[in-house]
Amino acid sequence: MADTAAPAPTRALVLGNPASGSHSPELVEQVRQLCASCLEHTEVHLTTGPGDATAAVRRALGRPAGAAPGAPDLIVVIGGDGTVREAVQGLVPATGNAALAVVPGGTGNSGYKMLWGERPWSESLKAILTDTGVGGSVRLRRLDLARLAETRNYVYLGACSGVIADALLTAGELPLKGRERYARAYADTAAGYPPYPGRVTVDGRVVHEGPTVLANVGGGRYRGGRFLVLPDSLLDDGLLDVCVIGGGVPADQVPELTLDAAHMDHPATVYARGRTITVERTDGRRLPLEHDGEYQPGIGSAATFEVLPGALPVWAPAAS
């Protein structure tokens, strides 16, 4: 969904996460300088721990009218998918005209890729700051989000059970950085990974039941910055996509298959769309689950995702 009447941004809050996969003070300063050269006001906030990005966005957007500085109308997030996820928790409930811009600074950066592909961040951000008018190269889109019913949190990029979730735990033990870190973790975790007994329900209809290697709900087409798990997903069609890879696919083949969506041709793969999707583990044990690159240890045996059509204002290419 596009908003062709959106005004150009004038005030930016730049969020940096020193704990993210590719953070550097130099990157934060480059982003700050670019914003400051084009906007009336730019401020930087470096997060201090889990939840701080959400709190910072809420504080900034909650400033009263007439305050100096005023509430930002552009939230620039430097970080990985997890940092963007936190910022979204503060941005979406707020009133006003603030919109999101993403600068890749994490491990997978799939959320940036789903908007801008492999375009350098400096080009995409410069376009957001200077080329948003009629006929410009950038437009404001309103993307669908999911809400995870068990936590009430918003899901920006997507959520996945099984091997992709457990690969995050492996990634935390590896000395690599960026996409190579997650790719290695994905392959290592998939080697000998046992499918879990699962069930996936879409709008009340069971689409899969049995051994499950993963069930991915979204959202973004890519996970880990390079794995094309949801190749048919549209970001603003008012529906959630789900891809289930069943136990008929050896888990150690899944990383290679998902690089170019070859898993879609396997008979053990199920692909569906709907407004409400429930992913379950049927033996009563805890469902291994992540969303937006963050492991969810507090989830029980089931997770339900509800679509929120057009909930997130974000700057994106006009041609998208």
C-alpha atoms as a PDB file:
ATOM      1  CA  MET A   1       0.000   0.000   0.000  1.00  0.00           C
ATOM      2  CA  ALA A   2       1.546   3.349  -1.024  1.00  0.00           C
ATOM      3  CA  ASP A   3       1.007   6.769   0.476  1.00  0.00           C
ATOM      4  CA  THR A   4       1.673   9.160  -2.396  1.00  0.00           C
ATOM      5  CA  ALA A   5       0.894  12.232  -0.279  1.00  0.00           C
ATOM      6  CA  ALA A   6       3.606  11.566   2.301  1.00  0.00           C
ATOM      7  CA  PRO A   7       5.729  14.638   3.089  1.00  0.00           C
ATOM      8  CA  ALA A   8       9.511  14.436   2.988  1.00  0.00           C
ATOM      9  CA  PRO A   9      11.199  13.799   6.359  1.00  0.00           C
ATOM     10  CA  THR A  10      12.619  16.735   8.301  1.00  0.00           C
ATOM     11  CA  ARG A  11      13.750  15.348  11.694  1.00  0.00           C
ATOM     12  CA  ALA A  12      15.527  12.040  12.272  1.00  0.00           C
ATOM     13  CA  LEU A  13      16.166   9.792  15.227  1.00  0.00           C
ATOM     14  CA  VAL A  14      19.117   7.541  14.375  1.00  0.00           C
ATOM     15  CA  LEU A  15      19.286   4.325  16.391  1.00  0.00           C
ATOM     16  CA  GLY A  16      22.507   2.343  16.623  1.00  0.00           C
ATOM     17  CA  ASN A  17      22.979  -0.978  18.388  1.00  0.00           C
ATOM     18  CA  PRO A  18      26.546  -1.565  19.609  1.00  0.00           C
ATOM     19  CA  ALA A  19      25.692  -5.241  20.205  1.00  0.00           C
ATOM     20  CA  SER A  20      24.559  -5.934  16.626  1.00  0.00           C
ATOM     21  CA  GLY A  21      26.529  -8.115  14.240  1.00  0.00           C
ATOM     22  CA  SER A  22      28.239  -5.433  12.135  1.00  0.00           C
ATOM     23  CA  HIS A  23      28.062  -2.339  14.345  1.00  0.00           C
ATOM     24  CA  SER A  24      30.789   0.261  14.068  1.00  0.00           C
ATOM     25  CA  PRO A  25      31.034   3.815  15.407  1.00  0.00           C
ATOM     26  CA  GLU A  26      32.162   4.865  11.932  1.00  0.00           C
ATOM     27  CA  LEU A  27      28.920   3.632  10.382  1.00  0.00           C
ATOM     28  CA  VAL A  28      26.836   5.500  12.947  1.00  0.00           C
ATOM     29  CA  GLU A  29      28.763   8.698  12.275  1.00  0.00           C
ATOM     30  CA  GLN A  30      28.387   8.326   8.502  1.00  0.00           C
ATOM     31  CA  VAL A  31      24.629   7.921   8.880  1.00  0.00           C
ATOM     32  CA  ARG A  32      24.435  10.883  11.260  1.00  0.00           C
ATOM     33  CA  GLN A  33      26.376  13.123   8.896  1.00  0.00           C
ATOM     34  CA  LEU A  34      24.254  12.174   5.895  1.00  0.00           C
ATOM     35  CA  CYS A  35      21.029  12.855   7.790  1.00  0.00           C
ATOM     36  CA  ALA A  36      22.335  16.109   9.256  1.00  0.00           C
ATOM     37  CA  SER A  37      23.328  17.375   5.807  1.00  0.00           C
ATOM     38  CA  CYS A  38      19.762  17.021   4.524  1.00  0.00           C
ATOM     39  CA  LEU A  39      17.405  17.490   7.482  1.00  0.00           C
ATOM     40  CA  GLU A  40      16.489  20.202   9.960  1.00  0.00           C
ATOM     41  CA  HIS A  41      17.427  18.094  12.991  1.00  0.00           C
ATOM     42  CA  THR A  42      19.233  14.796  13.606  1.00  0.00           C
ATOM     43  CA  GLU A  43      19.813  13.020  16.902  1.00  0.00           C
ATOM     44  CA  VAL A  44      21.551   9.720  17.675  1.00  0.00           C
ATOM     45  CA  HIS A  45      20.698   7.155  20.320  1.00  0.00           C
ATOM     46  CA  LEU A  46      22.911   4.122  20.994  1.00  0.00           C
ATOM     47  CA  THR A  47      20.956   1.319  22.603  1.00  0.00           C
ATOM     48  CA  THR A  48      22.084  -0.026  25.957  1.00  0.00           C
ATOM     49  CA  GLY A  49      20.329  -3.393  26.087  1.00  0.00           C
ATOM     50  CA  PRO A  50      17.246  -5.387  25.135  1.00  0.00           C
ATOM     51  CA  GLY A  51      14.139  -3.226  24.827  1.00  0.00           C
ATOM     52  CA  ASP A  52      16.018   0.071  24.766  1.00  0.00           C
ATOM     53  CA  ALA A  53      15.327   0.755  21.082  1.00  0.00           C
ATOM     54  CA  THR A  54      11.600   0.414  21.745  1.00  0.00           C
ATOM     55  CA  ALA A  55      11.796   2.775  24.709  1.00  0.00           C
ATOM     56  CA  ALA A  56      13.860   5.337  22.789  1.00  0.00           C
ATOM     57  CA  VAL A  57      11.385   5.447  19.905  1.00  0.00           C
ATOM     58  CA  ARG A  58       8.437   5.787  22.271  1.00  0.00           C
ATOM     59  CA  ARG A  59      10.093   8.640  24.171  1.00  0.00           C
ATOM     60  CA  ALA A  60      10.978  10.526  21.013  1.00  0.00           C
ATOM     61  CA  LEU A  61       7.564  10.121  19.396  1.00  0.00           C
ATOM     62  CA  GLY A  62       5.824  11.037  22.641  1.00  0.00           C
ATOM     63  CA  ARG A  63       7.270  14.543  22.821  1.00  0.00           C
ATOM     64  CA  PRO A  64       4.556  17.175  23.198  1.00  0.00           C
ATOM     65  CA  ALA A  65       3.742  19.604  20.423  1.00  0.00           C
ATOM     66  CA  GLY A  66       6.028  22.617  20.564  1.00  0.00           C
ATOM     67  CA  ALA A  67       8.856  20.738  22.286  1.00  0.00           C
ATOM     68  CA  ALA A  68      12.418  21.362  21.160  1.00  0.00           C
ATOM     69  CA  PRO A  69      13.472  19.253  19.433  1.00  0.00           C
ATOM     70  CA  GLY A  70      10.159  18.112  18.057  1.00  0.00           C
ATOM     71  CA  ALA A  71       9.172  14.512  17.585  1.00  0.00           C
ATOM     72  CA  PRO A  72      11.078  12.889  14.713  1.00  0.00           C
ATOM     73  CA  ASP A  73       9.297  11.996  11.494  1.00  0.00           C
ATOM     74  CA  LEU A  74      12.040   9.578  10.417  1.00  0.00           C
ATOM     75  CA  ILE A  75      13.304   6.644  12.485  1.00  0.00           C
ATOM     76  CA  VAL A  76      16.611   5.435  11.014  1.00  0.00           C
ATOM     77  CA  VAL A  77      17.585   2.062  12.444  1.00  0.00           C
ATOM     78  CA  ILE A  78      21.193   0.909  12.071  1.00  0.00           C
ATOM     79  CA  GLY A  79      21.319  -2.709  13.043  1.00  0.00           C
ATOM     80  CA  GLY A  80      20.106  -6.176  12.314  1.00  0.00           C
ATOM     81  CA  ASP A  81      16.607  -7.528  12.052  1.00  0.00           C
ATOM     82  CA  GLY A  82      16.317  -7.771  15.841  1.00  0.00           C
ATOM     83  CA  THR A  83      17.059  -4.075  16.310  1.00  0.00           C
ATOM     84  CA  VAL A  84      14.522  -3.157  13.643  1.00  0.00           C
ATOM     85  CA  ARG A  85      12.009  -5.406  15.389  1.00  0.00           C
ATOM     86  CA  GLU A  86      12.494  -3.441  18.627  1.00  0.00           C
ATOM     87  CA  ALA A  87      12.083  -0.092  16.886  1.00  0.00           C
ATOM     88  CA  VAL A  88       8.884  -1.302  15.236  1.00  0.00           C
ATOM     89  CA  GLN A  89       7.394  -2.084  18.665  1.00  0.00           C
ATOM     90  CA  GLY A  90       7.695   1.616  19.504  1.00  0.00           C
ATOM     91  CA  LEU A  91       6.813   3.044  16.104  1.00  0.00           C
ATOM     92  CA  VAL A  92       3.655   1.181  15.127  1.00  0.00           C
ATOM     93  CA  PRO A  93       1.406   2.091  18.086  1.00  0.00           C
ATOM     94  CA  ALA A  94       2.382   5.771  17.912  1.00  0.00           C
ATOM     95  CA  THR A  95       0.275   8.478  16.327  1.00  0.00           C
ATOM     96  CA  GLY A  96       1.823  11.000  13.969  1.00  0.00           C
ATOM     97  CA  ASN A  97       3.651  10.761  10.659  1.00  0.00           C
ATOM     98  CA  ALA A  98       6.925   9.030  11.575  1.00  0.00           C
ATOM     99  CA  ALA A  99       8.187   6.375   9.170  1.00  0.00           C
ATOM    100  CA  LEU A 100      10.982   3.813   9.227  1.00  0.00           C
ATOM    101  CA  ALA A 101      14.259   3.706   7.317  1.00  0.00           C
ATOM    102  CA  VAL A 102      16.649   0.770   7.659  1.00  0.00           C
ATOM    103  CA  VAL A 103      20.453   0.758   7.424  1.00  0.00           C
ATOM    104  CA  PRO A 104      21.993  -2.748   7.489  1.00  0.00           C
ATOM    105  CA  GLY A 105      24.218  -3.242  10.516  1.00  0.00           C
ATOM    106  CA  GLY A 106      23.488  -6.737  11.810  1.00  0.00           C
ATOM    107  CA  THR A 107      24.057 -10.390  10.985  1.00  0.00           C
ATOM    108  CA  GLY A 108      21.521 -11.284   8.307  1.00  0.00           C
ATOM    109  CA  ASN A 109      19.968  -7.903   7.448  1.00  0.00           C
ATOM    110  CA  SER A 110      17.069  -9.640   5.708  1.00  0.00           C
ATOM    111  CA  GLY A 111      14.741  -6.771   6.585  1.00  0.00           C
ATOM    112  CA  TYR A 112      16.895  -4.345   4.592  1.00  0.00           C
ATOM    113  CA  LYS A 113      17.190  -6.779   1.701  1.00  0.00           C
ATOM    114  CA  MET A 114      13.426  -7.268   1.430  1.00  0.00           C
ATOM    115  CA  LEU A 115      13.092  -3.526   0.777  1.00  0.00           C
ATOM    116  CA  TRP A 116      16.261  -2.526  -1.053  1.00  0.00           C
ATOM    117  CA  GLY A 117      17.895  -5.732  -2.309  1.00  0.00           C
ATOM    118  CA  GLU A 118      21.671  -5.348  -2.467  1.00  0.00           C
ATOM    119  CA  ARG A 119      21.598  -1.571  -3.001  1.00  0.00           C
ATOM    120  CA  PRO A 120      24.250   0.186  -0.877  1.00  0.00           C
ATOM    121  CA  TRP A 121      22.763   1.754   2.237  1.00  0.00           C
ATOM    122  CA  SER A 122      24.254   5.161   1.422  1.00  0.00           C
ATOM    123  CA  GLU A 123      22.301   5.261  -1.841  1.00  0.00           C
ATOM    124  CA  SER A 124      19.019   4.171  -0.291  1.00  0.00           C
ATOM    125  CA  LEU A 125      19.261   6.591   2.636  1.00  0.00           C
ATOM    126  CA  LYS A 126      20.278   9.500   0.398  1.00  0.00           C
ATOM    127  CA  ALA A 127      17.228   8.802  -1.753  1.00  0.00           C
ATOM    128  CA  ILE A 128      14.960   8.785   1.317  1.00  0.00           C
ATOM    129  CA  LEU A 129      16.365  12.131   2.414  1.00  0.00           C
ATOM    130  CA  THR A 130      16.288  13.887  -0.954  1.00  0.00           C
ATOM    131  CA  ASP A 131      14.052  12.154  -3.499  1.00  0.00           C
ATOM    132  CA  THR A 132      10.615  11.498  -2.011  1.00  0.00           C
ATOM    133  CA  GLY A 133       8.547  13.928  -4.063  1.00  0.00           C
ATOM    134  CA  VAL A 134       6.197  13.268  -6.957  1.00  0.00           C
ATOM    135  CA  GLY A 135       8.116  11.245  -9.523  1.00  0.00           C
ATOM    136  CA  GLY A 136      10.921  10.562  -7.043  1.00  0.00           C
ATOM    137  CA  SER A 137      12.788   7.294  -6.606  1.00  0.00           C
ATOM    138  CA  VAL A 138      11.384   6.655  -3.103  1.00  0.00           C
ATOM    139  CA  ARG A 139       7.837   6.313  -1.783  1.00  0.00           C
ATOM    140  CA  LEU A 140       6.215   5.636   1.559  1.00  0.00           C
ATOM    141  CA  ARG A 141       4.807   2.116   1.773  1.00  0.00           C
ATOM    142  CA  ARG A 142       2.622   0.677   4.482  1.00  0.00           C
ATOM    143  CA  LEU A 143       3.711  -2.880   5.070  1.00  0.00           C
ATOM    144  CA  ASP A 144       1.762  -5.674   6.668  1.00  0.00           C
ATOM    145  CA  LEU A 145       2.964  -6.890  10.038  1.00  0.00           C
ATOM    146  CA  ALA A 146       2.116  -9.968  12.033  1.00  0.00           C
ATOM    147  CA  ARG A 147       1.256  -9.948  15.712  1.00  0.00           C
ATOM    148  CA  LEU A 148       2.406 -12.895  17.793  1.00  0.00           C
ATOM    149  CA  ALA A 149      -0.647 -13.565  19.942  1.00  0.00           C
ATOM    150  CA  GLU A 150       1.285 -15.161  22.799  1.00  0.00           C
ATOM    151  CA  THR A 151       3.463 -12.070  23.408  1.00  0.00           C
ATOM    152  CA  ARG A 152       1.437  -9.343  21.594  1.00  0.00           C
ATOM    153  CA  ASN A 153       4.671  -8.291  19.885  1.00  0.00           C
ATOM    154  CA  TYR A 154       4.781  -7.161  16.276  1.00  0.00           C
ATOM    155  CA  VAL A 155       6.653  -9.336  13.771  1.00  0.00           C
ATOM    156  CA  TYR A 156       8.425  -7.271  11.111  1.00  0.00           C
ATOM    157  CA  LEU A 157      10.382  -9.653   8.886  1.00  0.00           C
ATOM    158  CA  GLY A 158       9.043 -13.055   9.808  1.00  0.00           C
ATOM    159  CA  ALA A 159       9.073 -15.901  12.284  1.00  0.00           C
ATOM    160  CA  CYS A 160      10.335 -19.440  11.955  1.00  0.00           C
ATOM    161  CA  SER A 161      10.178 -22.624  13.968  1.00  0.00           C
ATOM    162  CA  GLY A 162      12.586 -25.534  13.880  1.00  0.00           C
ATOM    163  CA  VAL A 163      16.018 -25.496  12.306  1.00  0.00           C
ATOM    164  CA  ILE A 164      16.130 -21.782  11.422  1.00  0.00           C
ATOM    165  CA  ALA A 165      15.252 -20.885  15.014  1.00  0.00           C
ATOM    166  CA  ASP A 166      17.785 -23.246  16.555  1.00  0.00           C
ATOM    167  CA  ALA A 167      20.460 -21.980  14.164  1.00  0.00           C
ATOM    168  CA  LEU A 168      20.372 -18.679  16.055  1.00  0.00           C
ATOM    169  CA  LEU A 169      21.630 -20.469  19.152  1.00  0.00           C
ATOM    170  CA  THR A 170      24.466 -21.968  17.122  1.00  0.00           C
ATOM    171  CA  ALA A 171      25.301 -18.564  15.616  1.00  0.00           C
ATOM    172  CA  GLY A 172      25.893 -17.146  19.066  1.00  0.00           C
ATOM    173  CA  GLU A 173      28.815 -19.535  19.499  1.00  0.00           C
ATOM    174  CA  LEU A 174      30.581 -18.721  16.212  1.00  0.00           C
ATOM    175  CA  PRO A 175      33.390 -16.146  15.838  1.00  0.00           C
ATOM    176  CA  LEU A 176      32.184 -15.055  12.374  1.00  0.00           C
ATOM    177  CA  LYS A 177      30.279 -11.888  11.465  1.00  0.00           C
ATOM    178  CA  GLY A 178      27.520 -10.865   9.083  1.00  0.00           C
ATOM    179  CA  ARG A 179      25.733 -13.241   6.757  1.00  0.00           C
ATOM    180  CA  GLU A 180      28.574 -15.762   6.805  1.00  0.00           C
ATOM    181  CA  ARG A 181      27.971 -16.253  10.502  1.00  0.00           C
ATOM    182  CA  TYR A 182      24.353 -17.234  10.072  1.00  0.00           C
ATOM    183  CA  ALA A 183      25.012 -19.316   6.938  1.00  0.00           C
ATOM    184  CA  ARG A 184      27.566 -21.380   8.831  1.00  0.00           C
ATOM    185  CA  ALA A 185      25.234 -21.723  11.823  1.00  0.00           C
ATOM    186  CA  TYR A 186      22.340 -22.777   9.577  1.00  0.00           C
ATOM    187  CA  ALA A 187      24.423 -25.497   7.910  1.00  0.00           C
ATOM    188  CA  ASP A 188      25.902 -26.742  11.192  1.00  0.00           C
ATOM    189  CA  THR A 189      22.498 -26.901  12.885  1.00  0.00           C
ATOM    190  CA  ALA A 190      20.844 -28.629   9.926  1.00  0.00           C
ATOM    191  CA  ALA A 191      23.385 -31.453   9.934  1.00  0.00           C
ATOM    192  CA  GLY A 192      21.544 -34.284  11.688  1.00  0.00           C
ATOM    193  CA  TYR A 193      18.701 -32.001  12.841  1.00  0.00           C
ATOM    194  CA  PRO A 194      15.711 -34.077  14.021  1.00  0.00           C
ATOM    195  CA  PRO A 195      12.294 -32.926  12.754  1.00  0.00           C
ATOM    196  CA  TYR A 196       9.788 -32.117  15.483  1.00  0.00           C
ATOM    197  CA  PRO A 197       6.166 -33.348  15.504  1.00  0.00           C
ATOM    198  CA  GLY A 198       4.209 -30.367  14.265  1.00  0.00           C
ATOM    199  CA  ARG A 199       0.993 -28.954  12.906  1.00  0.00           C
ATOM    200  CA  VAL A 200       0.300 -25.763  10.962  1.00  0.00           C
ATOM    201  CA  THR A 201      -3.177 -24.257  10.683  1.00  0.00           C
ATOM    202  CA  VAL A 202      -4.141 -21.424   8.316  1.00  0.00           C
ATOM    203  CA  ASP A 203      -7.456 -19.649   8.951  1.00  0.00           C
ATOM    204  CA  GLY A 204      -8.737 -22.713  10.777  1.00  0.00           C
ATOM    205  CA  ARG A 205      -7.626 -25.228   8.135  1.00  0.00           C
ATOM    206  CA  VAL A 206      -4.818 -27.712   8.869  1.00  0.00           C
ATOM    207  CA  VAL A 207      -2.312 -27.496   6.006  1.00  0.00           C
ATOM    208  CA  HIS A 208       0.400 -29.682   7.540  1.00  0.00           C
ATOM    209  CA  GLU A 209       0.626 -32.258  10.301  1.00  0.00           C
ATOM    210  CA  GLY A 210       3.577 -34.514  10.993  1.00  0.00           C
ATOM    211  CA  PRO A 211       7.396 -34.325  11.110  1.00  0.00           C
ATOM    212  CA  THR A 212       8.488 -30.715  10.622  1.00  0.00           C
ATOM    213  CA  VAL A 213      11.923 -29.299   9.833  1.00  0.00           C
ATOM    214  CA  LEU A 214      10.711 -25.688   9.821  1.00  0.00           C
ATOM    215  CA  ALA A 215       7.626 -23.516   9.449  1.00  0.00           C
ATOM    216  CA  ASN A 216       8.331 -19.940   8.346  1.00  0.00           C
ATOM    217  CA  VAL A 217       5.666 -17.209   8.599  1.00  0.00           C
ATOM    218  CA  GLY A 218       6.018 -13.752   7.040  1.00  0.00           C
ATOM    219  CA  GLY A 219       6.677 -11.288   5.761  1.00  0.00           C
ATOM    220  CA  GLY A 220      10.040 -11.008   4.129  1.00  0.00           C
ATOM    221  CA  ARG A 221      11.091 -13.408   1.418  1.00  0.00           C
ATOM    222  CA  TYR A 222      14.612 -13.905   2.769  1.00  0.00           C
ATOM    223  CA  ARG A 223      15.994 -15.188   6.055  1.00  0.00           C
ATOM    224  CA  GLY A 224      19.608 -14.877   7.094  1.00  0.00           C
ATOM    225  CA  GLY A 225      20.095 -12.349   4.303  1.00  0.00           C
ATOM    226  CA  ARG A 226      20.329 -14.968   1.562  1.00  0.00           C
ATOM    227  CA  PHE A 227      17.900 -17.864   2.074  1.00  0.00           C
ATOM    228  CA  LEU A 228      14.775 -17.493  -0.082  1.00  0.00           C
ATOM    229  CA  VAL A 229      12.288 -19.268   2.167  1.00  0.00           C
ATOM    230  CA  LEU A 230       9.129 -17.326   1.193  1.00  0.00           C
ATOM    231  CA  PRO A 231       9.670 -16.634  -2.518  1.00  0.00           C
ATOM    232  CA  ASP A 232       6.057 -15.697  -3.266  1.00  0.00           C
ATOM    233  CA  SER A 233       5.484 -13.353  -0.328  1.00  0.00           C
ATOM    234  CA  LEU A 234       4.127  -9.854  -0.965  1.00  0.00           C
ATOM    235  CA  LEU A 235       4.764  -7.233   1.704  1.00  0.00           C
ATOM    236  CA  ASP A 236       1.441  -5.422   1.504  1.00  0.00           C
ATOM    237  CA  ASP A 237      -1.232  -7.837   0.265  1.00  0.00           C
ATOM    238  CA  GLY A 238      -3.010  -8.106   3.620  1.00  0.00           C
ATOM    239  CA  LEU A 239      -2.017 -11.751   4.059  1.00  0.00           C
ATOM    240  CA  LEU A 240       0.661 -13.771   5.817  1.00  0.00           C
ATOM    241  CA  ASP A 241       2.569 -16.455   3.932  1.00  0.00           C
ATOM    242  CA  VAL A 242       3.716 -19.704   5.517  1.00  0.00           C
ATOM    243  CA  CYS A 243       6.176 -22.242   4.167  1.00  0.00           C
ATOM    244  CA  VAL A 244       6.409 -25.614   5.905  1.00  0.00           C
ATOM    245  CA  ILE A 245       9.244 -28.016   5.125  1.00  0.00           C
ATOM    246  CA  GLY A 246       8.280 -31.450   6.336  1.00  0.00           C
ATOM    247  CA  GLY A 247      10.356 -34.379   7.459  1.00  0.00           C
ATOM    248  CA  GLY A 248      10.441 -35.774   3.922  1.00  0.00           C
ATOM    249  CA  VAL A 249      13.239 -33.301   3.216  1.00  0.00           C
ATOM    250  CA  PRO A 250      16.510 -34.247   4.950  1.00  0.00           C
ATOM    251  CA  ALA A 251      17.326 -31.318   7.203  1.00  0.00           C
ATOM    252  CA  ASP A 252      20.927 -31.141   6.022  1.00  0.00           C
ATOM    253  CA  GLN A 253      19.657 -30.369   2.498  1.00  0.00           C
ATOM    254  CA  VAL A 254      17.444 -27.481   3.583  1.00  0.00           C
ATOM    255  CA  PRO A 255      20.111 -24.716   3.631  1.00  0.00           C
ATOM    256  CA  GLU A 256      21.154 -25.451   0.050  1.00  0.00           C
ATOM    257  CA  LEU A 257      17.571 -25.865  -1.163  1.00  0.00           C
ATOM    258  CA  THR A 258      16.438 -22.564   0.346  1.00  0.00           C
ATOM    259  CA  LEU A 259      19.268 -20.583  -1.256  1.00  0.00           C
ATOM    260  CA  ASP A 260      17.309 -20.431  -4.513  1.00  0.00           C
ATOM    261  CA  ALA A 261      13.841 -21.604  -3.412  1.00  0.00           C
ATOM    262  CA  ALA A 262      14.415 -25.133  -4.739  1.00  0.00           C
ATOM    263  CA  HIS A 263      12.540 -26.410  -1.682  1.00  0.00           C
ATOM    264  CA  MET A 264       9.340 -25.220  -3.334  1.00  0.00           C
ATOM    265  CA  ASP A 265       9.532 -28.110  -5.822  1.00  0.00           C
ATOM    266  CA  HIS A 266       9.754 -30.791  -3.121  1.00  0.00           C
ATOM    267  CA  PRO A 267       6.541 -32.696  -2.324  1.00  0.00           C
ATOM    268  CA  ALA A 268       7.253 -32.379   1.416  1.00  0.00           C
ATOM    269  CA  THR A 269       6.969 -28.579   1.201  1.00  0.00           C
ATOM    270  CA  VAL A 270       3.638 -26.863   1.900  1.00  0.00           C
ATOM    271  CA  TYR A 271       3.023 -23.209   1.023  1.00  0.00           C
ATOM    272  CA  ALA A 272      -0.116 -21.317   2.043  1.00  0.00           C
ATOM    273  CA  ARG A 273      -1.499 -17.838   2.798  1.00  0.00           C
ATOM    274  CA  GLY A 274      -3.991 -16.527   5.281  1.00  0.00           C
ATOM    275  CA  ARG A 275      -4.857 -13.964   7.925  1.00  0.00           C
ATOM    276  CA  THR A 276      -4.230 -16.153  10.993  1.00  0.00           C
ATOM    277  CA  ILE A 277      -1.559 -18.851  11.141  1.00  0.00           C
ATOM    278  CA  THR A 278      -0.874 -21.184  14.060  1.00  0.00           C
ATOM    279  CA  VAL A 279       2.352 -23.186  14.314  1.00  0.00           C
ATOM    280  CA  GLU A 280       2.322 -25.985  16.889  1.00  0.00           C
ATOM    281  CA  ARG A 281       4.486 -28.680  18.357  1.00  0.00           C
ATOM    282  CA  THR A 282       2.113 -31.578  18.990  1.00  0.00           C
ATOM    283  CA  ASP A 283       4.072 -33.481  21.644  1.00  0.00           C
ATOM    284  CA  GLY A 284       3.541 -30.689  24.190  1.00  0.00           C
ATOM    285  CA  ARG A 285       7.202 -29.679  24.354  1.00  0.00           C
ATOM    286  CA  ARG A 286       8.396 -26.122  23.770  1.00  0.00           C
ATOM    287  CA  LEU A 287       8.287 -24.987  20.157  1.00  0.00           C
ATOM    288  CA  PRO A 288      11.710 -23.757  18.961  1.00  0.00           C
ATOM    289  CA  LEU A 289      10.817 -20.325  17.564  1.00  0.00           C
ATOM    290  CA  GLU A 290      12.417 -17.064  16.518  1.00  0.00           C
ATOM    291  CA  HIS A 291      11.111 -13.907  14.988  1.00  0.00           C
ATOM    292  CA  ASP A 292      13.084 -11.140  13.354  1.00  0.00           C
ATOM    293  CA  GLY A 293      16.335 -12.876  14.224  1.00  0.00           C
ATOM    294  CA  GLU A 294      15.623 -13.134  17.954  1.00  0.00           C
ATOM    295  CA  TYR A 295      15.093 -16.486  19.678  1.00  0.00           C
ATOM    296  CA  GLN A 296      11.848 -16.716  21.674  1.00  0.00           C
ATOM    297  CA  PRO A 297      12.568 -18.924  24.710  1.00  0.00           C
ATOM    298  CA  GLY A 298       9.312 -18.065  26.463  1.00  0.00           C
ATOM    299  CA  ILE A 299       7.025 -19.590  23.837  1.00  0.00           C
ATOM    300  CA  GLY A 300       5.196 -22.775  24.805  1.00  0.00           C
ATOM    301  CA  SER A 301       4.094 -25.459  22.380  1.00  0.00           C
ATOM    302  CA  ALA A 302       2.220 -23.150  19.972  1.00  0.00           C
ATOM    303  CA  ALA A 303       2.492 -19.733  18.338  1.00  0.00           C
ATOM    304  CA  THR A 304      -0.329 -17.883  16.577  1.00  0.00           C
ATOM    305  CA  PHE A 305       0.291 -15.051  14.116  1.00  0.00           C
ATOM    306  CA  GLU A 306      -2.390 -12.538  13.110  1.00  0.00           C
ATOM    307  CA  VAL A 307      -1.943 -10.194  10.149  1.00  0.00           C
ATOM    308  CA  LEU A 308      -2.054  -6.414  10.663  1.00  0.00           C
ATOM    309  CA  PRO A 309      -2.566  -5.030   7.146  1.00  0.00           C
ATOM    310  CA  GLY A 310      -0.687  -1.834   6.299  1.00  0.00           C
ATOM    311  CA  ALA A 311       0.476  -1.303   9.874  1.00  0.00           C
ATOM    312  CA  LEU A 312       4.080  -0.186   9.295  1.00  0.00           C
ATOM    313  CA  PRO A 313       5.019   3.031   7.440  1.00  0.00           C
ATOM    314  CA  VAL A 314       8.433   2.534   5.818  1.00  0.00           C
ATOM    315  CA  TRP A 315      10.403   4.254   3.073  1.00  0.00           C
ATOM    316  CA  ALA A 316      11.089   1.991   0.096  1.00  0.00           C
ATOM    317  CA  PRO A 317      11.959   2.201  -3.616  1.00  0.00           C
ATOM    318  CA  ALA A 318       9.220   3.730  -5.748  1.00  0.00           C
ATOM    319  CA  ALA A 319       9.530   0.842  -8.198  1.00  0.00           C
ATOM    320  CA  SER A 320       8.796  -1.801  -5.557  1.00  0.00           C
END
